[in-house]
């Protein structure tokens, strides 16, 4: 999601997603699937102390009431690499605990 002071991040992330979609079209005929994963805020040591207000806001925004864990993102990647995702290509899988499903109005 775009935010003040983070235009560089938003532009770079959008570029990665579009590159993956183009690559999915290019390599799909060869049986190669290309996807991206966009994680929400991931818990790490010291994060709550370094950014208490941001952590609070992100927890409140999450539909599941917590920040992500590294294994949440890893599980999503394993799923995309598995045969269970054999018909998923050119997709950006948002792994954010439902934060982007929350209305902003």
C-alpha atoms as a PDB file:
ATOM      1  CA  UNK A   1       0.000   0.000   0.000  1.00  0.00           C
ATOM      2  CA  UNK A   2       1.330   3.465  -0.746  1.00  0.00           C
ATOM      3  CA  UNK A   3       2.243   5.706   2.150  1.00  0.00           C
ATOM      4  CA  UNK A   4       3.830   9.148   2.547  1.00  0.00           C
ATOM      5  CA  UNK A   5       7.597   8.871   2.510  1.00  0.00           C
ATOM      6  CA  UNK A   6       7.496   5.424   0.894  1.00  0.00           C
ATOM      7  CA  UNK A   7       6.963   6.216  -2.787  1.00  0.00           C
ATOM      8  CA  UNK A   8      10.213   4.450  -3.639  1.00  0.00           C
ATOM      9  CA  UNK A   9       8.992   1.236  -1.975  1.00  0.00           C
ATOM     10  CA  UNK A  10       5.558   1.374  -3.614  1.00  0.00           C
ATOM     11  CA  UNK A  11       7.094   1.953  -7.057  1.00  0.00           C
ATOM     12  CA  UNK A  12       9.622  -0.858  -6.641  1.00  0.00           C
ATOM     13  CA  UNK A  13       7.013  -3.323  -5.348  1.00  0.00           C
ATOM     14  CA  UNK A  14       4.675  -2.498  -8.238  1.00  0.00           C
ATOM     15  CA  UNK A  15       7.519  -3.055 -10.673  1.00  0.00           C
ATOM     16  CA  UNK A  16       8.290  -6.473  -9.197  1.00  0.00           C
ATOM     17  CA  UNK A  17       4.631  -7.528  -9.427  1.00  0.00           C
ATOM     18  CA  UNK A  18       4.326  -6.388 -13.057  1.00  0.00           C
ATOM     19  CA  UNK A  19       7.626  -8.041 -13.975  1.00  0.00           C
ATOM     20  CA  UNK A  20       6.365 -11.317 -12.518  1.00  0.00           C
ATOM     21  CA  UNK A  21       3.104 -11.064 -14.459  1.00  0.00           C
ATOM     22  CA  UNK A  22       4.996 -10.483 -17.696  1.00  0.00           C
ATOM     23  CA  UNK A  23       7.372 -13.346 -16.887  1.00  0.00           C
ATOM     24  CA  UNK A  24       4.403 -15.628 -16.179  1.00  0.00           C
ATOM     25  CA  UNK A  25       3.099 -14.950 -19.682  1.00  0.00           C
ATOM     26  CA  UNK A  26       6.513 -15.426 -21.223  1.00  0.00           C
ATOM     27  CA  UNK A  27       7.480 -18.626 -19.407  1.00  0.00           C
ATOM     28  CA  UNK A  28       4.059 -20.186 -18.850  1.00  0.00           C
ATOM     29  CA  UNK A  29       4.125 -22.085 -22.146  1.00  0.00           C
ATOM     30  CA  UNK A  30       7.292 -23.804 -20.883  1.00  0.00           C
ATOM     31  CA  UNK A  31       5.535 -24.949 -17.718  1.00  0.00           C
ATOM     32  CA  UNK A  32       7.154 -22.318 -15.521  1.00  0.00           C
ATOM     33  CA  UNK A  33       4.834 -20.459 -13.163  1.00  0.00           C
ATOM     34  CA  UNK A  34       5.873 -17.060 -11.833  1.00  0.00           C
ATOM     35  CA  UNK A  35       4.145 -15.426  -8.864  1.00  0.00           C
ATOM     36  CA  UNK A  36       4.979 -12.900  -6.170  1.00  0.00           C
ATOM     37  CA  UNK A  37       4.270 -12.791  -2.456  1.00  0.00           C
ATOM     38  CA  UNK A  38       3.509  -9.529  -0.658  1.00  0.00           C
ATOM     39  CA  UNK A  39       3.773  -9.978   3.085  1.00  0.00           C
ATOM     40  CA  UNK A  40       2.268  -7.665   5.635  1.00  0.00           C
ATOM     41  CA  UNK A  41       4.202  -6.576   8.705  1.00  0.00           C
ATOM     42  CA  UNK A  42       6.199  -9.531  10.022  1.00  0.00           C
ATOM     43  CA  UNK A  43       7.042  -9.901  13.706  1.00  0.00           C
ATOM     44  CA  UNK A  44      10.733  -9.696  14.600  1.00  0.00           C
ATOM     45  CA  UNK A  45      12.774  -9.119  17.726  1.00  0.00           C
ATOM     46  CA  UNK A  46      12.698  -5.482  18.781  1.00  0.00           C
ATOM     47  CA  UNK A  47       9.978  -4.392  16.349  1.00  0.00           C
ATOM     48  CA  UNK A  48       7.406  -3.481  19.012  1.00  0.00           C
ATOM     49  CA  UNK A  49       9.986  -1.389  20.844  1.00  0.00           C
ATOM     50  CA  UNK A  50      11.255   0.309  17.705  1.00  0.00           C
ATOM     51  CA  UNK A  51       7.824   1.110  16.230  1.00  0.00           C
ATOM     52  CA  UNK A  52       5.114   0.729  18.896  1.00  0.00           C
ATOM     53  CA  UNK A  53       2.490   2.862  17.164  1.00  0.00           C
ATOM     54  CA  UNK A  54       2.919   1.084  13.831  1.00  0.00           C
ATOM     55  CA  UNK A  55       2.741  -2.341  15.444  1.00  0.00           C
ATOM     56  CA  UNK A  56      -0.433  -1.361  17.299  1.00  0.00           C
ATOM     57  CA  UNK A  57      -2.068  -0.044  14.124  1.00  0.00           C
ATOM     58  CA  UNK A  58      -1.093  -3.114  12.128  1.00  0.00           C
ATOM     59  CA  UNK A  59      -2.435  -5.498  14.776  1.00  0.00           C
ATOM     60  CA  UNK A  60      -5.715  -3.595  14.818  1.00  0.00           C
ATOM     61  CA  UNK A  61      -5.930  -3.689  11.021  1.00  0.00           C
ATOM     62  CA  UNK A  62      -5.328  -7.434  10.844  1.00  0.00           C
ATOM     63  CA  UNK A  63      -8.456  -9.559  10.515  1.00  0.00           C
ATOM     64  CA  UNK A  64      -6.708 -12.236  12.596  1.00  0.00           C
ATOM     65  CA  UNK A  65      -5.488  -9.790  15.256  1.00  0.00           C
ATOM     66  CA  UNK A  66      -1.753 -10.324  15.025  1.00  0.00           C
ATOM     67  CA  UNK A  67       1.325  -9.560  13.000  1.00  0.00           C
ATOM     68  CA  UNK A  68       2.662 -12.110  10.605  1.00  0.00           C
ATOM     69  CA  UNK A  69       5.304 -14.666  11.436  1.00  0.00           C
ATOM     70  CA  UNK A  70       8.091 -15.699   9.086  1.00  0.00           C
ATOM     71  CA  UNK A  71       6.512 -19.138   8.749  1.00  0.00           C
ATOM     72  CA  UNK A  72       3.280 -17.543   7.495  1.00  0.00           C
ATOM     73  CA  UNK A  73       5.162 -16.194   4.493  1.00  0.00           C
ATOM     74  CA  UNK A  74       7.134 -19.418   4.077  1.00  0.00           C
ATOM     75  CA  UNK A  75       3.939 -21.481   4.061  1.00  0.00           C
ATOM     76  CA  UNK A  76       2.494 -19.268   1.326  1.00  0.00           C
ATOM     77  CA  UNK A  77       5.643 -19.735  -0.765  1.00  0.00           C
ATOM     78  CA  UNK A  78       5.575 -23.508  -0.280  1.00  0.00           C
ATOM     79  CA  UNK A  79       1.929 -23.524  -1.363  1.00  0.00           C
ATOM     80  CA  UNK A  80       2.717 -21.543  -4.535  1.00  0.00           C
ATOM     81  CA  UNK A  81       5.578 -23.909  -5.363  1.00  0.00           C
ATOM     82  CA  UNK A  82       3.414 -26.996  -4.789  1.00  0.00           C
ATOM     83  CA  UNK A  83       1.203 -28.910  -7.207  1.00  0.00           C
ATOM     84  CA  UNK A  84      -1.789 -27.470  -5.309  1.00  0.00           C
ATOM     85  CA  UNK A  85      -1.060 -24.159  -7.071  1.00  0.00           C
ATOM     86  CA  UNK A  86      -0.491 -25.655 -10.515  1.00  0.00           C
ATOM     87  CA  UNK A  87      -2.945 -23.271 -12.168  1.00  0.00           C
ATOM     88  CA  UNK A  88      -1.809 -20.122 -10.398  1.00  0.00           C
ATOM     89  CA  UNK A  89       0.479 -17.921 -12.459  1.00  0.00           C
ATOM     90  CA  UNK A  90       1.078 -14.192 -12.636  1.00  0.00           C
ATOM     91  CA  UNK A  91      -0.519 -13.677  -9.237  1.00  0.00           C
ATOM     92  CA  UNK A  92       0.544 -11.557  -6.272  1.00  0.00           C
ATOM     93  CA  UNK A  93      -0.382 -13.449  -3.110  1.00  0.00           C
ATOM     94  CA  UNK A  94      -0.931 -10.957  -0.307  1.00  0.00           C
ATOM     95  CA  UNK A  95      -0.070 -12.575   3.030  1.00  0.00           C
ATOM     96  CA  UNK A  96      -1.134  -9.929   5.525  1.00  0.00           C
ATOM     97  CA  UNK A  97      -3.662 -11.515   7.876  1.00  0.00           C
ATOM     98  CA  UNK A  98      -6.509  -9.775   6.077  1.00  0.00           C
ATOM     99  CA  UNK A  99      -5.252  -6.220   6.682  1.00  0.00           C
ATOM    100  CA  UNK A 100      -5.898  -5.136   3.089  1.00  0.00           C
ATOM    101  CA  UNK A 101      -9.431  -6.556   3.286  1.00  0.00           C
ATOM    102  CA  UNK A 102     -10.241  -3.960   5.927  1.00  0.00           C
ATOM    103  CA  UNK A 103     -12.075  -0.867   4.666  1.00  0.00           C
ATOM    104  CA  UNK A 104     -10.071   2.343   4.860  1.00  0.00           C
ATOM    105  CA  UNK A 105     -13.127   4.599   4.883  1.00  0.00           C
END
